[in-house]
Protein backbone atom coordinates (compact mmCIF):
# COMPACT_ATOMS: atom_id res chain seq x y z
CA LEU A 1 14.22 -69.61 -20.30
CA ARG A 2 12.41 -69.09 -23.59
CA LYS A 3 12.06 -70.31 -27.15
CA ALA A 4 14.79 -69.04 -29.46
CA LYS A 5 14.30 -66.07 -31.77
CA ILE A 6 15.91 -65.28 -35.11
CA SER A 7 18.19 -62.79 -33.38
CA ASP A 8 19.61 -65.64 -31.24
CA ALA A 9 20.89 -67.74 -34.15
CA LYS A 10 24.50 -66.55 -34.21
CA GLU A 11 24.86 -66.88 -30.42
CA ILE A 12 23.39 -70.39 -30.57
CA GLN A 13 25.86 -71.35 -33.28
CA THR A 14 28.80 -69.85 -31.39
CA LEU A 15 27.95 -71.69 -28.15
CA VAL A 16 27.32 -75.06 -29.83
CA ASN A 17 30.42 -74.81 -32.01
CA HIS A 18 32.57 -73.96 -28.99
CA TYR A 19 31.83 -77.46 -27.66
CA ALA A 20 31.96 -79.00 -31.15
CA GLN A 21 35.57 -77.82 -31.46
CA GLN A 22 36.29 -79.78 -28.28
CA GLY A 23 34.71 -82.90 -29.81
CA GLU A 24 31.77 -82.87 -27.41
CA MET A 25 28.96 -82.32 -29.92
CA LEU A 26 28.27 -81.90 -33.60
CA PRO A 27 28.97 -78.51 -35.14
CA LEU A 28 26.13 -76.47 -36.63
CA SER A 29 26.32 -74.20 -39.64
CA LEU A 30 24.38 -70.97 -39.40
CA SER A 31 22.03 -72.37 -42.02
CA GLU A 32 21.35 -75.42 -39.82
CA VAL A 33 20.62 -73.17 -36.84
CA TYR A 34 18.11 -71.15 -38.86
CA GLU A 35 16.47 -74.30 -40.24
CA GLY A 36 16.11 -75.80 -36.76
CA LEU A 37 15.50 -72.57 -34.84
CA ARG A 38 12.02 -73.63 -33.73
CA ASP A 39 13.61 -76.63 -31.98
CA PHE A 40 15.75 -74.43 -29.73
CA TYR A 41 15.34 -73.04 -26.25
CA VAL A 42 17.72 -70.46 -24.82
CA PHE A 43 18.51 -69.64 -21.22
CA GLU A 44 19.36 -66.02 -20.53
CA ASP A 45 21.11 -64.42 -17.60
CA ASN A 46 21.22 -60.62 -17.58
CA GLU A 47 20.17 -60.58 -21.26
CA GLU A 48 23.07 -62.86 -22.23
CA ILE A 49 22.45 -66.33 -23.64
CA VAL A 50 24.25 -68.73 -21.32
CA GLY A 51 22.68 -71.99 -22.47
CA VAL A 52 20.93 -73.57 -25.44
CA CYS A 53 19.16 -76.84 -26.14
CA ALA A 54 16.97 -78.28 -28.89
CA LEU A 55 14.16 -80.83 -29.08
CA HIS A 56 14.31 -82.51 -32.48
CA ILE A 57 11.36 -84.67 -33.53
CA ASN A 58 12.45 -87.92 -35.19
CA TRP A 59 9.17 -89.77 -35.54
CA GLU A 60 5.63 -89.88 -34.18
CA ASP A 61 6.77 -91.33 -30.85
CA LEU A 62 10.44 -90.34 -30.68
CA ALA A 63 12.34 -87.08 -30.21
CA GLU A 64 15.92 -86.18 -29.36
CA ILE A 65 17.36 -83.64 -27.00
CA ARG A 66 20.38 -82.28 -28.83
CA SER A 67 22.83 -79.40 -28.89
CA LEU A 68 22.63 -78.93 -25.11
CA ALA A 69 25.36 -76.41 -24.39
CA VAL A 70 25.96 -74.17 -21.37
CA LYS A 71 28.70 -71.60 -21.03
CA GLU A 72 31.42 -72.96 -18.77
CA GLU A 73 31.04 -70.18 -16.21
CA ASN A 74 27.36 -71.14 -15.85
CA SER A 75 27.83 -74.89 -15.56
CA SER A 76 26.73 -76.59 -12.34
CA LYS A 77 24.02 -73.96 -11.85
CA GLY A 78 21.13 -76.07 -13.16
CA VAL A 79 20.94 -74.34 -16.55
CA GLY A 80 21.35 -77.58 -18.51
CA SER A 81 18.72 -79.34 -16.43
CA GLU A 82 16.24 -76.48 -16.90
CA LEU A 83 16.78 -76.52 -20.66
CA ALA A 84 16.33 -80.31 -20.82
CA ARG A 85 13.18 -80.10 -18.69
CA ALA A 86 11.73 -77.52 -21.09
CA CYS A 87 12.35 -79.92 -23.96
CA LEU A 88 10.70 -82.77 -22.06
CA GLU A 89 7.67 -80.61 -21.30
CA GLU A 90 7.34 -79.72 -24.98
CA ALA A 91 7.61 -83.41 -25.90
CA ARG A 92 4.73 -84.15 -23.49
CA GLU A 93 2.66 -81.33 -25.00
CA LEU A 94 3.25 -82.86 -28.44
CA SER A 95 2.30 -86.34 -27.14
CA ILE A 96 5.74 -87.76 -27.89
CA SER A 97 6.23 -90.82 -25.73
CA ARG A 98 10.01 -91.32 -25.88
CA VAL A 99 12.91 -88.88 -25.81
CA PHE A 100 16.56 -89.82 -26.16
CA ALA A 101 19.93 -88.11 -26.12
CA LEU A 102 23.44 -89.05 -27.14
CA THR A 103 25.70 -87.56 -24.51
CA TYR A 104 29.02 -87.46 -22.72
CA ARG A 105 27.13 -86.40 -19.58
CA PRO A 106 24.71 -89.24 -18.82
CA GLU A 107 24.61 -88.23 -15.14
CA LEU A 108 22.80 -84.98 -16.05
CA PHE A 109 20.13 -86.93 -17.92
CA GLY A 110 19.99 -89.60 -15.20
CA LYS A 111 18.88 -86.93 -12.70
CA LEU A 112 15.96 -86.20 -15.03
CA GLY A 113 14.84 -89.84 -15.21
CA PHE A 114 16.66 -91.01 -18.33
CA GLN A 115 18.05 -94.55 -18.42
CA GLY A 116 21.11 -95.71 -20.31
CA ILE A 117 20.33 -97.84 -23.37
CA ASP A 118 22.25 -99.63 -26.10
CA LYS A 119 22.57 -97.31 -29.11
CA SER A 120 21.58 -100.16 -31.40
CA LEU A 121 18.03 -99.92 -29.99
CA LEU A 122 17.61 -96.52 -31.63
CA PRO A 123 16.32 -96.40 -35.22
CA GLN A 124 19.00 -96.17 -37.90
CA LYS A 125 17.44 -92.93 -39.15
CA ILE A 126 18.90 -91.05 -36.17
CA TRP A 127 22.43 -91.79 -37.34
CA GLN A 128 22.05 -89.49 -40.37
CA ASP A 129 23.47 -86.56 -38.39
CA CYS A 130 26.30 -88.73 -37.08
CA LEU A 131 27.77 -88.98 -40.57
CA LYS A 132 29.12 -85.45 -40.01
CA CYS A 133 31.02 -86.52 -36.90
CA ILE A 134 34.75 -87.17 -37.07
CA LYS A 135 34.24 -90.07 -34.63
CA PHE A 136 31.74 -91.88 -36.88
CA PRO A 137 31.27 -94.88 -36.83
CA ASP A 138 33.14 -95.27 -33.54
CA CYS A 139 30.78 -93.16 -31.45
CA ASP A 140 31.80 -92.94 -27.82
CA GLU A 141 28.74 -91.04 -26.62
CA GLU A 142 26.26 -92.78 -24.35
CA ALA A 143 22.64 -93.19 -25.36
CA VAL A 144 19.97 -92.36 -22.80
CA LEU A 145 16.19 -92.61 -23.09
CA ILE A 146 13.16 -91.58 -21.09
CA GLU A 147 9.63 -92.92 -21.50
CA LEU A 148 7.23 -90.07 -20.86
CA LYS A 149 4.04 -90.63 -18.94
CA ASP A 150 0.78 -88.86 -19.83
CA SER A 151 1.90 -88.47 -23.44
């Protein structure tokens, strides 16, 4: 598990867009990956990237875990949880007190201490990215939030 490097950008895009094609997350252009590269963590197994995840800062007290994607053959091995934990640790280091995610897998986030919330409780600014989604404005993802201690 490590922070992403420039050389990881195309693999990050490929993995995220695999799930985007299935309607499970928003697609990313290569330009968007490069612009947000510092947000990303990658999980490697035998020098192959098998999982990615990003912590995106929204405001002084709010960040989002996004683009959490794990290769299907590596699912159910804890890779997604490890990536999400790395994002939470970074949020704590940055003194961010709340982290949310929009997800089709709330059970994964529930194991990490997230609670389900009504999406309307999130600031409207976070919906900017949702405009790219074919499901907008009828989002069927679940919103989850964790309040971090010692932030």
